[in-house]
Amino acid sequence: MQEVIFSFIVFIIIYLIYWITVILRKKKLEKFKNNTYVRYLQLIYHIDIERINIKSLAKVIALTNSFIISFTLYFISITDSLFLMLLLAVAIFIPLQLLSYHIIGKYYQKKQRSDHHV
């Protein structure tokens, strides 16, 4: 139970840091358009960043990254072996990140198509 609470606290802290340092600042939000995650979505899923609400995308990415980190942290915290922690972290983090950004990319592709046809 402690691991769940700790992971939830980590989730909240990471999201709040992202909220304060990126989402609430107009200059940082503008620079966010060149973020690695945004460029990945543009390159792989052909998302037109100029046609979507960048603040909304920043919130989705902040929530996603917070979830990925806290979820990974939860699973590595249930073991005591450092080697197993490292192995679990890689085995969970990378597929979870790829899956999460695939879902985001498909969502924005679909949203972009439906906005285009209206």
PDB file of N, CA and C in Angstrom:
ATOM      1  N   MET A   1       0.824  -1.203   0.000  1.00  0.00           N
ATOM      2  CA  MET A   1       0.000   0.000   0.000  1.00  0.00           C
ATOM      3  C   MET A   1       0.864   1.261   0.000  1.00  0.00           C
ATOM      4  N   GLN A   2       1.991   1.186   0.701  1.00  0.00           N
ATOM      5  CA  GLN A   2       2.898   2.338   0.736  1.00  0.00           C
ATOM      6  C   GLN A   2       3.415   2.677  -0.655  1.00  0.00           C
ATOM      7  N   GLU A   3       3.666   1.640  -1.463  1.00  0.00           N
ATOM      8  CA  GLU A   3       4.167   1.865  -2.820  1.00  0.00           C
ATOM      9  C   GLU A   3       3.138   2.609  -3.676  1.00  0.00           C
ATOM     10  N   VAL A   4       1.869   2.257  -3.496  1.00  0.00           N
ATOM     11  CA  VAL A   4       0.800   2.919  -4.255  1.00  0.00           C
ATOM     12  C   VAL A   4       0.713   4.392  -3.866  1.00  0.00           C
ATOM     13  N   ILE A   5       0.746   4.675  -2.590  1.00  0.00           N
ATOM     14  CA  ILE A   5       0.681   6.056  -2.108  1.00  0.00           C
ATOM     15  C   ILE A   5       1.897   6.846  -2.588  1.00  0.00           C
ATOM     16  N   PHE A   6       3.074   6.238  -2.467  1.00  0.00           N
ATOM     17  CA  PHE A   6       4.295   6.895  -2.920  1.00  0.00           C
ATOM     18  C   PHE A   6       4.232   7.187  -4.419  1.00  0.00           C
ATOM     19  N   SER A   7       3.765   6.234  -5.209  1.00  0.00           N
ATOM     20  CA  SER A   7       3.649   6.426  -6.658  1.00  0.00           C
ATOM     21  C   SER A   7       2.651   7.530  -6.994  1.00  0.00           C
ATOM     22  N   PHE A   8       1.560   7.576  -6.260  1.00  0.00           N
ATOM     23  CA  PHE A   8       0.564   8.622  -6.481  1.00  0.00           C
ATOM     24  C   PHE A   8       1.143  10.008  -6.152  1.00  0.00           C
ATOM     25  N   ILE A   9       1.892  10.094  -5.068  1.00  0.00           N
ATOM     26  CA  ILE A   9       2.536  11.366  -4.693  1.00  0.00           C
ATOM     27  C   ILE A   9       3.543  11.789  -5.759  1.00  0.00           C
ATOM     28  N   VAL A  10       4.306  10.834  -6.256  1.00  0.00           N
ATOM     29  CA  VAL A  10       5.266  11.121  -7.336  1.00  0.00           C
ATOM     30  C   VAL A  10       4.527  11.622  -8.573  1.00  0.00           C
ATOM     31  N   PHE A  11       3.414  10.977  -8.914  1.00  0.00           N
ATOM     32  CA  PHE A  11       2.597  11.398 -10.056  1.00  0.00           C
ATOM     33  C   PHE A  11       2.177  12.866  -9.899  1.00  0.00           C
ATOM     34  N   ILE A  12       1.645  13.207  -8.741  1.00  0.00           N
ATOM     35  CA  ILE A  12       1.178  14.574  -8.479  1.00  0.00           C
ATOM     36  C   ILE A  12       2.337  15.569  -8.558  1.00  0.00           C
ATOM     37  N   ILE A  13       3.460  15.241  -7.948  1.00  0.00           N
ATOM     38  CA  ILE A  13       4.619  16.147  -7.945  1.00  0.00           C
ATOM     39  C   ILE A  13       5.131  16.389  -9.360  1.00  0.00           C
ATOM     40  N   ILE A  14       5.294  15.327 -10.133  1.00  0.00           N
ATOM     41  CA  ILE A  14       5.790  15.480 -11.506  1.00  0.00           C
ATOM     42  C   ILE A  14       4.825  16.309 -12.339  1.00  0.00           C
ATOM     43  N   TYR A  15       3.531  16.037 -12.217  1.00  0.00           N
ATOM     44  CA  TYR A  15       2.548  16.809 -12.982  1.00  0.00           C
ATOM     45  C   TYR A  15       2.566  18.277 -12.570  1.00  0.00           C
ATOM     46  N   LEU A  16       2.628  18.548 -11.279  1.00  0.00           N
ATOM     47  CA  LEU A  16       2.658  19.942 -10.812  1.00  0.00           C
ATOM     48  C   LEU A  16       3.900  20.684 -11.298  1.00  0.00           C
ATOM     49  N   ILE A  17       5.033  20.010 -11.278  1.00  0.00           N
ATOM     50  CA  ILE A  17       6.259  20.637 -11.783  1.00  0.00           C
ATOM     51  C   ILE A  17       6.102  20.963 -13.261  1.00  0.00           C
ATOM     52  N   TYR A  18       5.576  20.036 -14.013  1.00  0.00           N
ATOM     53  CA  TYR A  18       5.332  20.264 -15.438  1.00  0.00           C
ATOM     54  C   TYR A  18       4.343  21.405 -15.638  1.00  0.00           C
ATOM     55  N   TRP A  19       3.293  21.422 -14.825  1.00  0.00           N
ATOM     56  CA  TRP A  19       2.265  22.469 -14.923  1.00  0.00           C
ATOM     57  C   TRP A  19       2.876  23.850 -14.670  1.00  0.00           C
ATOM     58  N   ILE A  20       3.669  23.952 -13.619  1.00  0.00           N
ATOM     59  CA  ILE A  20       4.245  25.240 -13.237  1.00  0.00           C
ATOM     60  C   ILE A  20       5.337  25.691 -14.214  1.00  0.00           C
ATOM     61  N   THR A  21       6.186  24.756 -14.640  1.00  0.00           N
ATOM     62  CA  THR A  21       7.327  25.141 -15.471  1.00  0.00           C
ATOM     63  C   THR A  21       7.022  25.245 -16.958  1.00  0.00           C
ATOM     64  N   VAL A  22       5.973  24.580 -17.436  1.00  0.00           N
ATOM     65  CA  VAL A  22       5.688  24.610 -18.877  1.00  0.00           C
ATOM     66  C   VAL A  22       4.302  25.163 -19.189  1.00  0.00           C
ATOM     67  N   ILE A  23       3.277  24.553 -18.659  1.00  0.00           N
ATOM     68  CA  ILE A  23       1.909  24.858 -19.079  1.00  0.00           C
ATOM     69  C   ILE A  23       1.486  26.278 -18.724  1.00  0.00           C
ATOM     70  N   LEU A  24       1.882  26.775 -17.566  1.00  0.00           N
ATOM     71  CA  LEU A  24       1.474  28.117 -17.151  1.00  0.00           C
ATOM     72  C   LEU A  24       2.303  29.245 -17.774  1.00  0.00           C
ATOM     73  N   ARG A  25       3.410  28.916 -18.404  1.00  0.00           N
ATOM     74  CA  ARG A  25       4.292  29.943 -18.978  1.00  0.00           C
ATOM     75  C   ARG A  25       4.166  29.967 -20.499  1.00  0.00           C
ATOM     76  N   LYS A  26       3.799  31.136 -21.030  1.00  0.00           N
ATOM     77  CA  LYS A  26       3.565  31.240 -22.475  1.00  0.00           C
ATOM     78  C   LYS A  26       4.834  30.995 -23.289  1.00  0.00           C
ATOM     79  N   LYS A  27       5.973  31.503 -22.817  1.00  0.00           N
ATOM     80  CA  LYS A  27       7.223  31.304 -23.560  1.00  0.00           C
ATOM     81  C   LYS A  27       7.604  29.827 -23.596  1.00  0.00           C
ATOM     82  N   LYS A  28       7.491  29.161 -22.467  1.00  0.00           N
ATOM     83  CA  LYS A  28       7.828  27.737 -22.396  1.00  0.00           C
ATOM     84  C   LYS A  28       6.846  26.909 -23.217  1.00  0.00           C
ATOM     85  N   LEU A  29       5.592  27.321 -23.220  1.00  0.00           N
ATOM     86  CA  LEU A  29       4.580  26.611 -23.993  1.00  0.00           C
ATOM     87  C   LEU A  29       4.871  26.742 -25.487  1.00  0.00           C
ATOM     88  N   GLU A  30       5.371  27.899 -25.896  1.00  0.00           N
ATOM     89  CA  GLU A  30       5.736  28.095 -27.302  1.00  0.00           C
ATOM     90  C   GLU A  30       6.947  27.230 -27.663  1.00  0.00           C
ATOM     91  N   LYS A  31       7.912  27.131 -26.755  1.00  0.00           N
ATOM     92  CA  LYS A  31       9.084  26.281 -26.981  1.00  0.00           C
ATOM     93  C   LYS A  31       8.698  24.799 -26.951  1.00  0.00           C
ATOM     94  N   PHE A  32       7.609  24.507 -26.280  1.00  0.00           N
ATOM     95  CA  PHE A  32       7.120  23.133 -26.159  1.00  0.00           C
ATOM     96  C   PHE A  32       6.841  22.513 -27.525  1.00  0.00           C
ATOM     97  N   LYS A  33       6.522  23.348 -28.502  1.00  0.00           N
ATOM     98  CA  LYS A  33       6.227  22.854 -29.847  1.00  0.00           C
ATOM     99  C   LYS A  33       7.425  22.131 -30.464  1.00  0.00           C
ATOM    100  N   ASN A  34       8.635  22.425 -29.969  1.00  0.00           N
ATOM    101  CA  ASN A  34       9.847  21.768 -30.467  1.00  0.00           C
ATOM    102  C   ASN A  34      10.318  20.644 -29.548  1.00  0.00           C
ATOM    103  N   ASN A  35       9.493  20.283 -28.603  1.00  0.00           N
ATOM    104  CA  ASN A  35       9.785  19.217 -27.648  1.00  0.00           C
ATOM    105  C   ASN A  35       9.946  17.883 -28.380  1.00  0.00           C
ATOM    106  N   THR A  36      10.764  17.004 -27.840  1.00  0.00           N
ATOM    107  CA  THR A  36      10.992  15.683 -28.437  1.00  0.00           C
ATOM    108  C   THR A  36       9.690  14.907 -28.605  1.00  0.00           C
ATOM    109  N   TYR A  37       8.821  14.950 -27.609  1.00  0.00           N
ATOM    110  CA  TYR A  37       7.554  14.216 -27.677  1.00  0.00           C
ATOM    111  C   TYR A  37       6.663  14.759 -28.796  1.00  0.00           C
ATOM    112  N   VAL A  38       6.627  16.074 -28.922  1.00  0.00           N
ATOM    113  CA  VAL A  38       5.805  16.708 -29.952  1.00  0.00           C
ATOM    114  C   VAL A  38       6.365  16.382 -31.338  1.00  0.00           C
ATOM    115  N   ARG A  39       7.678  16.466 -31.478  1.00  0.00           N
ATOM    116  CA  ARG A  39       8.297  16.139 -32.772  1.00  0.00           C
ATOM    117  C   ARG A  39       8.060  14.671 -33.139  1.00  0.00           C
ATOM    118  N   TYR A  40       8.086  13.790 -32.141  1.00  0.00           N
ATOM    119  CA  TYR A  40       7.795  12.378 -32.374  1.00  0.00           C
ATOM    120  C   TYR A  40       6.372  12.220 -32.933  1.00  0.00           C
ATOM    121  N   LEU A  41       5.409  12.896 -32.316  1.00  0.00           N
ATOM    122  CA  LEU A  41       4.021  12.823 -32.783  1.00  0.00           C
ATOM    123  C   LEU A  41       3.882  13.390 -34.194  1.00  0.00           C
ATOM    124  N   GLN A  42       4.622  14.448 -34.484  1.00  0.00           N
ATOM    125  CA  GLN A  42       4.586  15.036 -35.820  1.00  0.00           C
ATOM    126  C   GLN A  42       5.182  14.077 -36.852  1.00  0.00           C
ATOM    127  N   LEU A  43       6.310  13.505 -36.525  1.00  0.00           N
ATOM    128  CA  LEU A  43       7.027  12.648 -37.464  1.00  0.00           C
ATOM    129  C   LEU A  43       6.322  11.314 -37.698  1.00  0.00           C
ATOM    130  N   ILE A  44       5.926  10.640 -36.647  1.00  0.00           N
ATOM    131  CA  ILE A  44       5.348   9.301 -36.768  1.00  0.00           C
ATOM    132  C   ILE A  44       3.861   9.338 -37.123  1.00  0.00           C
ATOM    133  N   TYR A  45       3.119  10.254 -36.523  1.00  0.00           N
ATOM    134  CA  TYR A  45       1.661  10.270 -36.703  1.00  0.00           C
ATOM    135  C   TYR A  45       1.167  11.438 -37.559  1.00  0.00           C
ATOM    136  N   HIS A  46       2.089  12.237 -38.072  1.00  0.00           N
ATOM    137  CA  HIS A  46       1.773  13.356 -38.971  1.00  0.00           C
ATOM    138  C   HIS A  46       0.750  14.318 -38.369  1.00  0.00           C
ATOM    139  N   ILE A  47       0.974  14.664 -37.116  1.00  0.00           N
ATOM    140  CA  ILE A  47       0.092  15.595 -36.410  1.00  0.00           C
ATOM    141  C   ILE A  47       0.514  17.022 -36.760  1.00  0.00           C
ATOM    142  N   ASP A  48      -0.446  17.825 -37.168  1.00  0.00           N
ATOM    143  CA  ASP A  48      -0.182  19.234 -37.470  1.00  0.00           C
ATOM    144  C   ASP A  48      -0.346  20.032 -36.181  1.00  0.00           C
ATOM    145  N   ILE A  49       0.761  20.393 -35.583  1.00  0.00           N
ATOM    146  CA  ILE A  49       0.768  21.070 -34.282  1.00  0.00           C
ATOM    147  C   ILE A  49       0.096  22.436 -34.353  1.00  0.00           C
ATOM    148  N   GLU A  50       0.145  23.068 -35.496  1.00  0.00           N
ATOM    149  CA  GLU A  50      -0.461  24.393 -35.647  1.00  0.00           C
ATOM    150  C   GLU A  50      -1.986  24.338 -35.604  1.00  0.00           C
ATOM    151  N   ARG A  51      -2.555  23.175 -35.858  1.00  0.00           N
ATOM    152  CA  ARG A  51      -4.018  23.033 -35.890  1.00  0.00           C
ATOM    153  C   ARG A  51      -4.616  22.535 -34.583  1.00  0.00           C
ATOM    154  N   ILE A  52      -3.764  22.200 -33.610  1.00  0.00           N
ATOM    155  CA  ILE A  52      -4.307  21.713 -32.339  1.00  0.00           C
ATOM    156  C   ILE A  52      -3.958  22.686 -31.219  1.00  0.00           C
ATOM    157  N   ASN A  53      -4.677  22.576 -30.144  1.00  0.00           N
ATOM    158  CA  ASN A  53      -4.449  23.422 -28.974  1.00  0.00           C
ATOM    159  C   ASN A  53      -3.194  22.911 -28.252  1.00  0.00           C
ATOM    160  N   ILE A  54      -2.124  23.696 -28.295  1.00  0.00           N
ATOM    161  CA  ILE A  54      -0.843  23.262 -27.737  1.00  0.00           C
ATOM    162  C   ILE A  54      -0.912  23.105 -26.219  1.00  0.00           C
ATOM    163  N   LYS A  55      -1.724  23.918 -25.564  1.00  0.00           N
ATOM    164  CA  LYS A  55      -1.876  23.802 -24.115  1.00  0.00           C
ATOM    165  C   LYS A  55      -2.535  22.479 -23.748  1.00  0.00           C
ATOM    166  N   SER A  56      -3.520  22.080 -24.518  1.00  0.00           N
ATOM    167  CA  SER A  56      -4.187  20.801 -24.309  1.00  0.00           C
ATOM    168  C   SER A  56      -3.216  19.646 -24.529  1.00  0.00           C
ATOM    169  N   LEU A  57      -2.421  19.727 -25.578  1.00  0.00           N
ATOM    170  CA  LEU A  57      -1.427  18.690 -25.848  1.00  0.00           C
ATOM    171  C   LEU A  57      -0.388  18.634 -24.731  1.00  0.00           C
ATOM    172  N   ALA A  58       0.028  19.780 -24.229  1.00  0.00           N
ATOM    173  CA  ALA A  58       1.002  19.822 -23.131  1.00  0.00           C
ATOM    174  C   ALA A  58       0.432  19.153 -21.877  1.00  0.00           C
ATOM    175  N   LYS A  59      -0.842  19.367 -21.611  1.00  0.00           N
ATOM    176  CA  LYS A  59      -1.477  18.723 -20.458  1.00  0.00           C
ATOM    177  C   LYS A  59      -1.522  17.209 -20.622  1.00  0.00           C
ATOM    178  N   VAL A  60      -1.868  16.760 -21.822  1.00  0.00           N
ATOM    179  CA  VAL A  60      -1.934  15.320 -22.094  1.00  0.00           C
ATOM    180  C   VAL A  60      -0.549  14.695 -21.935  1.00  0.00           C
ATOM    181  N   ILE A  61       0.462  15.342 -22.471  1.00  0.00           N
ATOM    182  CA  ILE A  61       1.827  14.823 -22.368  1.00  0.00           C
ATOM    183  C   ILE A  61       2.307  14.848 -20.925  1.00  0.00           C
ATOM    184  N   ALA A  62       1.971  15.897 -20.197  1.00  0.00           N
ATOM    185  CA  ALA A  62       2.356  15.969 -18.778  1.00  0.00           C
ATOM    186  C   ALA A  62       1.703  14.846 -17.977  1.00  0.00           C
ATOM    187  N   LEU A  63       0.433  14.613 -18.207  1.00  0.00           N
ATOM    188  CA  LEU A  63      -0.267  13.518 -17.523  1.00  0.00           C
ATOM    189  C   LEU A  63       0.333  12.162 -17.903  1.00  0.00           C
ATOM    190  N   THR A  64       0.613  12.006 -19.185  1.00  0.00           N
ATOM    191  CA  THR A  64       1.178  10.747 -19.670  1.00  0.00           C
ATOM    192  C   THR A  64       2.546  10.484 -19.061  1.00  0.00           C
ATOM    193  N   ASN A  65       3.420  11.479 -19.109  1.00  0.00           N
ATOM    194  CA  ASN A  65       4.767  11.298 -18.559  1.00  0.00           C
ATOM    195  C   ASN A  65       4.728  11.058 -17.055  1.00  0.00           C
ATOM    196  N   SER A  66       3.847  11.753 -16.366  1.00  0.00           N
ATOM    197  CA  SER A  66       3.694  11.544 -14.922  1.00  0.00           C
ATOM    198  C   SER A  66       3.244  10.123 -14.637  1.00  0.00           C
ATOM    199  N   PHE A  67       2.295   9.645 -15.431  1.00  0.00           N
ATOM    200  CA  PHE A  67       1.805   8.278 -15.255  1.00  0.00           C
ATOM    201  C   PHE A  67       2.907   7.256 -15.531  1.00  0.00           C
ATOM    202  N   ILE A  68       3.632   7.430 -16.631  1.00  0.00           N
ATOM    203  CA  ILE A  68       4.684   6.487 -17.007  1.00  0.00           C
ATOM    204  C   ILE A  68       5.730   6.385 -15.906  1.00  0.00           C
ATOM    205  N   ILE A  69       6.164   7.515 -15.399  1.00  0.00           N
ATOM    206  CA  ILE A  69       7.195   7.515 -14.359  1.00  0.00           C
ATOM    207  C   ILE A  69       6.674   6.906 -13.061  1.00  0.00           C
ATOM    208  N   SER A  70       5.491   7.305 -12.631  1.00  0.00           N
ATOM    209  CA  SER A  70       4.968   6.788 -11.362  1.00  0.00           C
ATOM    210  C   SER A  70       4.618   5.296 -11.452  1.00  0.00           C
ATOM    211  N   PHE A  71       4.100   4.864 -12.588  1.00  0.00           N
ATOM    212  CA  PHE A  71       3.780   3.453 -12.795  1.00  0.00           C
ATOM    213  C   PHE A  71       5.051   2.607 -12.777  1.00  0.00           C
ATOM    214  N   THR A  72       6.080   3.068 -13.473  1.00  0.00           N
ATOM    215  CA  THR A  72       7.371   2.368 -13.482  1.00  0.00           C
ATOM    216  C   THR A  72       7.961   2.330 -12.088  1.00  0.00           C
ATOM    217  N   LEU A  73       7.898   3.448 -11.399  1.00  0.00           N
ATOM    218  CA  LEU A  73       8.427   3.526 -10.040  1.00  0.00           C
ATOM    219  C   LEU A  73       7.711   2.555  -9.106  1.00  0.00           C
ATOM    220  N   TYR A  74       6.409   2.446  -9.272  1.00  0.00           N
ATOM    221  CA  TYR A  74       5.645   1.513  -8.441  1.00  0.00           C
ATOM    222  C   TYR A  74       6.159   0.082  -8.622  1.00  0.00           C
ATOM    223  N   PHE A  75       6.311  -0.334  -9.860  1.00  0.00           N
ATOM    224  CA  PHE A  75       6.717  -1.715 -10.104  1.00  0.00           C
ATOM    225  C   PHE A  75       8.159  -2.005  -9.716  1.00  0.00           C
ATOM    226  N   ILE A  76       9.030  -1.023  -9.817  1.00  0.00           N
ATOM    227  CA  ILE A  76      10.404  -1.313  -9.391  1.00  0.00           C
ATOM    228  C   ILE A  76      10.549  -1.252  -7.877  1.00  0.00           C
ATOM    229  N   SER A  77       9.606  -0.593  -7.213  1.00  0.00           N
ATOM    230  CA  SER A  77       9.708  -0.477  -5.757  1.00  0.00           C
ATOM    231  C   SER A  77       9.265  -1.751  -5.022  1.00  0.00           C
ATOM    232  N   ILE A  78       8.667  -2.675  -5.740  1.00  0.00           N
ATOM    233  CA  ILE A  78       8.209  -3.898  -5.070  1.00  0.00           C
ATOM    234  C   ILE A  78       9.305  -4.966  -4.991  1.00  0.00           C
ATOM    235  N   THR A  79      10.493  -4.654  -5.487  1.00  0.00           N
ATOM    236  CA  THR A  79      11.608  -5.598  -5.410  1.00  0.00           C
ATOM    237  C   THR A  79      12.779  -4.956  -4.671  1.00  0.00           C
ATOM    238  N   ASP A  80      13.644  -5.792  -4.122  1.00  0.00           N
ATOM    239  CA  ASP A  80      14.795  -5.290  -3.377  1.00  0.00           C
ATOM    240  C   ASP A  80      16.104  -5.373  -4.171  1.00  0.00           C
ATOM    241  N   SER A  81      16.113  -6.168  -5.194  1.00  0.00           N
ATOM    242  CA  SER A  81      17.329  -6.362  -5.983  1.00  0.00           C
ATOM    243  C   SER A  81      17.544  -5.191  -6.940  1.00  0.00           C
ATOM    244  N   LEU A  82      18.712  -4.577  -6.863  1.00  0.00           N
ATOM    245  CA  LEU A  82      19.032  -3.442  -7.724  1.00  0.00           C
ATOM    246  C   LEU A  82      19.037  -3.853  -9.192  1.00  0.00           C
ATOM    247  N   PHE A  83      19.609  -5.013  -9.483  1.00  0.00           N
ATOM    248  CA  PHE A  83      19.638  -5.508 -10.856  1.00  0.00           C
ATOM    249  C   PHE A  83      18.221  -5.735 -11.385  1.00  0.00           C
ATOM    250  N   LEU A  84      17.367  -6.325 -10.577  1.00  0.00           N
ATOM    251  CA  LEU A  84      15.985  -6.566 -10.974  1.00  0.00           C
ATOM    252  C   LEU A  84      15.223  -5.247 -11.143  1.00  0.00           C
ATOM    253  N   MET A  85      15.517  -4.282 -10.288  1.00  0.00           N
ATOM    254  CA  MET A  85      14.898  -2.951 -10.420  1.00  0.00           C
ATOM    255  C   MET A  85      15.239  -2.338 -11.776  1.00  0.00           C
ATOM    256  N   LEU A  86      16.505  -2.385 -12.124  1.00  0.00           N
ATOM    257  CA  LEU A  86      16.959  -1.820 -13.394  1.00  0.00           C
ATOM    258  C   LEU A  86      16.327  -2.551 -14.570  1.00  0.00           C
ATOM    259  N   LEU A  87      16.303  -3.857 -14.501  1.00  0.00           N
ATOM    260  CA  LEU A  87      15.714  -4.669 -15.553  1.00  0.00           C
ATOM    261  C   LEU A  87      14.213  -4.381 -15.699  1.00  0.00           C
ATOM    262  N   LEU A  88      13.519  -4.324 -14.576  1.00  0.00           N
ATOM    263  CA  LEU A  88      12.089  -4.008 -14.586  1.00  0.00           C
ATOM    264  C   LEU A  88      11.830  -2.602 -15.130  1.00  0.00           C
ATOM    265  N   ALA A  89      12.646  -1.653 -14.721  1.00  0.00           N
ATOM    266  CA  ALA A  89      12.473  -0.270 -15.167  1.00  0.00           C
ATOM    267  C   ALA A  89      12.537  -0.187 -16.691  1.00  0.00           C
ATOM    268  N   VAL A  90      13.533  -0.813 -17.282  1.00  0.00           N
ATOM    269  CA  VAL A  90      13.666  -0.794 -18.745  1.00  0.00           C
ATOM    270  C   VAL A  90      12.531  -1.569 -19.396  1.00  0.00           C
ATOM    271  N   ALA A  91      12.201  -2.728 -18.829  1.00  0.00           N
ATOM    272  CA  ALA A  91      11.160  -3.585 -19.396  1.00  0.00           C
ATOM    273  C   ALA A  91       9.770  -2.948 -19.325  1.00  0.00           C
ATOM    274  N   ILE A  92       9.568  -2.062 -18.375  1.00  0.00           N
ATOM    275  CA  ILE A  92       8.263  -1.405 -18.222  1.00  0.00           C
ATOM    276  C   ILE A  92       8.256  -0.041 -18.904  1.00  0.00           C
ATOM    277  N   PHE A  93       9.287   0.750 -18.677  1.00  0.00           N
ATOM    278  CA  PHE A  93       9.331   2.142 -19.132  1.00  0.00           C
ATOM    279  C   PHE A  93       9.223   2.275 -20.654  1.00  0.00           C
ATOM    280  N   ILE A  94      10.058   1.557 -21.374  1.00  0.00           N
ATOM    281  CA  ILE A  94      10.096   1.722 -22.830  1.00  0.00           C
ATOM    282  C   ILE A  94       8.798   1.272 -23.503  1.00  0.00           C
ATOM    283  N   PRO A  95       8.300   0.067 -23.234  1.00  0.00           N
ATOM    284  CA  PRO A  95       7.027  -0.318 -23.870  1.00  0.00           C
ATOM    285  C   PRO A  95       5.854   0.574 -23.450  1.00  0.00           C
ATOM    286  N   LEU A  96       5.832   0.991 -22.192  1.00  0.00           N
ATOM    287  CA  LEU A  96       4.754   1.854 -21.719  1.00  0.00           C
ATOM    288  C   LEU A  96       4.805   3.216 -22.416  1.00  0.00           C
ATOM    289  N   GLN A  97       6.004   3.718 -22.612  1.00  0.00           N
ATOM    290  CA  GLN A  97       6.146   4.996 -23.312  1.00  0.00           C
ATOM    291  C   GLN A  97       5.708   4.862 -24.771  1.00  0.00           C
ATOM    292  N   LEU A  98       6.142   3.814 -25.431  1.00  0.00           N
ATOM    293  CA  LEU A  98       5.746   3.603 -26.832  1.00  0.00           C
ATOM    294  C   LEU A  98       4.232   3.418 -26.954  1.00  0.00           C
ATOM    295  N   LEU A  99       3.646   2.637 -26.074  1.00  0.00           N
ATOM    296  CA  LEU A  99       2.197   2.413 -26.090  1.00  0.00           C
ATOM    297  C   LEU A  99       1.434   3.716 -25.818  1.00  0.00           C
ATOM    298  N   SER A 100       1.859   4.446 -24.819  1.00  0.00           N
ATOM    299  CA  SER A 100       1.189   5.698 -24.450  1.00  0.00           C
ATOM    300  C   SER A 100       1.216   6.709 -25.592  1.00  0.00           C
ATOM    301  N   TYR A 101       2.385   6.874 -26.211  1.00  0.00           N
ATOM    302  CA  TYR A 101       2.479   7.844 -27.297  1.00  0.00           C
ATOM    303  C   TYR A 101       1.801   7.349 -28.570  1.00  0.00           C
ATOM    304  N   HIS A 102       1.676   6.048 -28.722  1.00  0.00           N
ATOM    305  CA  HIS A 102       0.900   5.509 -29.839  1.00  0.00           C
ATOM    306  C   HIS A 102      -0.579   5.880 -29.659  1.00  0.00           C
ATOM    307  N   ILE A 103      -1.074   5.721 -28.457  1.00  0.00           N
ATOM    308  CA  ILE A 103      -2.477   6.076 -28.162  1.00  0.00           C
ATOM    309  C   ILE A 103      -2.704   7.572 -28.375  1.00  0.00           C
ATOM    310  N   ILE A 104      -1.784   8.390 -27.876  1.00  0.00           N
ATOM    311  CA  ILE A 104      -1.908   9.846 -28.066  1.00  0.00           C
ATOM    312  C   ILE A 104      -1.874  10.188 -29.553  1.00  0.00           C
ATOM    313  N   GLY A 105      -0.930   9.600 -30.277  1.00  0.00           N
ATOM    314  CA  GLY A 105      -0.802   9.872 -31.710  1.00  0.00           C
ATOM    315  C   GLY A 105      -2.059   9.492 -32.475  1.00  0.00           C
ATOM    316  N   LYS A 106      -2.605   8.318 -32.193  1.00  0.00           N
ATOM    317  CA  LYS A 106      -3.830   7.861 -32.869  1.00  0.00           C
ATOM    318  C   LYS A 106      -5.021   8.757 -32.509  1.00  0.00           C
ATOM    319  N   TYR A 107      -5.077   9.172 -31.252  1.00  0.00           N
ATOM    320  CA  TYR A 107      -6.161  10.059 -30.827  1.00  0.00           C
ATOM    321  C   TYR A 107      -6.115  11.380 -31.611  1.00  0.00           C
ATOM    322  N   TYR A 108      -4.926  11.990 -31.682  1.00  0.00           N
ATOM    323  CA  TYR A 108      -4.808  13.269 -32.378  1.00  0.00           C
ATOM    324  C   TYR A 108      -4.950  13.112 -33.888  1.00  0.00           C
ATOM    325  N   GLN A 109      -4.564  11.970 -34.446  1.00  0.00           N
ATOM    326  CA  GLN A 109      -4.799  11.705 -35.867  1.00  0.00           C
ATOM    327  C   GLN A 109      -6.299  11.694 -36.151  1.00  0.00           C
ATOM    328  N   LYS A 110      -7.012  10.955 -35.326  1.00  0.00           N
ATOM    329  CA  LYS A 110      -8.460  10.842 -35.500  1.00  0.00           C
ATOM    330  C   LYS A 110      -9.124  12.208 -35.309  1.00  0.00           C
ATOM    331  N   LYS A 111      -8.693  12.936 -34.301  1.00  0.00           N
ATOM    332  CA  LYS A 111      -9.248  14.257 -34.019  1.00  0.00           C
ATOM    333  C   LYS A 111      -8.963  15.207 -35.180  1.00  0.00           C
ATOM    334  N   GLN A 112      -7.766  15.126 -35.719  1.00  0.00           N
ATOM    335  CA  GLN A 112      -7.382  15.989 -36.830  1.00  0.00           C
ATOM    336  C   GLN A 112      -8.203  15.671 -38.081  1.00  0.00           C
ATOM    337  N   ARG A 113      -8.443  14.390 -38.336  1.00  0.00           N
ATOM    338  CA  ARG A 113      -9.263  13.975 -39.486  1.00  0.00           C
ATOM    339  C   ARG A 113     -10.698  14.446 -39.335  1.00  0.00           C
ATOM    340  N   SER A 114     -11.259  14.314 -38.123  1.00  0.00           N
ATOM    341  CA  SER A 114     -12.647  14.709 -37.929  1.00  0.00           C
ATOM    342  C   SER A 114     -12.801  16.230 -37.974  1.00  0.00           C
ATOM    343  N   ASP A 115     -11.784  16.961 -37.517  1.00  0.00           N
ATOM    344  CA  ASP A 115     -11.823  18.429 -37.613  1.00  0.00           C
ATOM    345  C   ASP A 115     -11.674  18.881 -39.054  1.00  0.00           C
ATOM    346  N   HIS A 116     -10.947  18.121 -39.843  1.00  0.00           N
ATOM    347  CA  HIS A 116     -10.702  18.473 -41.242  1.00  0.00           C
ATOM    348  C   HIS A 116     -11.948  18.294 -42.098  1.00  0.00           C
ATOM    349  N   HIS A 117     -12.768  17.297 -41.758  1.00  0.00           N
ATOM    350  CA  HIS A 117     -13.964  17.000 -42.542  1.00  0.00           C
ATOM    351  C   HIS A 117     -15.158  17.862 -42.173  1.00  0.00           C
ATOM    352  N   VAL A 118     -15.043  18.614 -41.112  1.00  0.00           N
ATOM    353  CA  VAL A 118     -16.178  19.437 -40.659  1.00  0.00           C
ATOM    354  C   VAL A 118     -16.233  20.724 -41.404  1.00  0.00           C
TER     355      VAL A 118
END
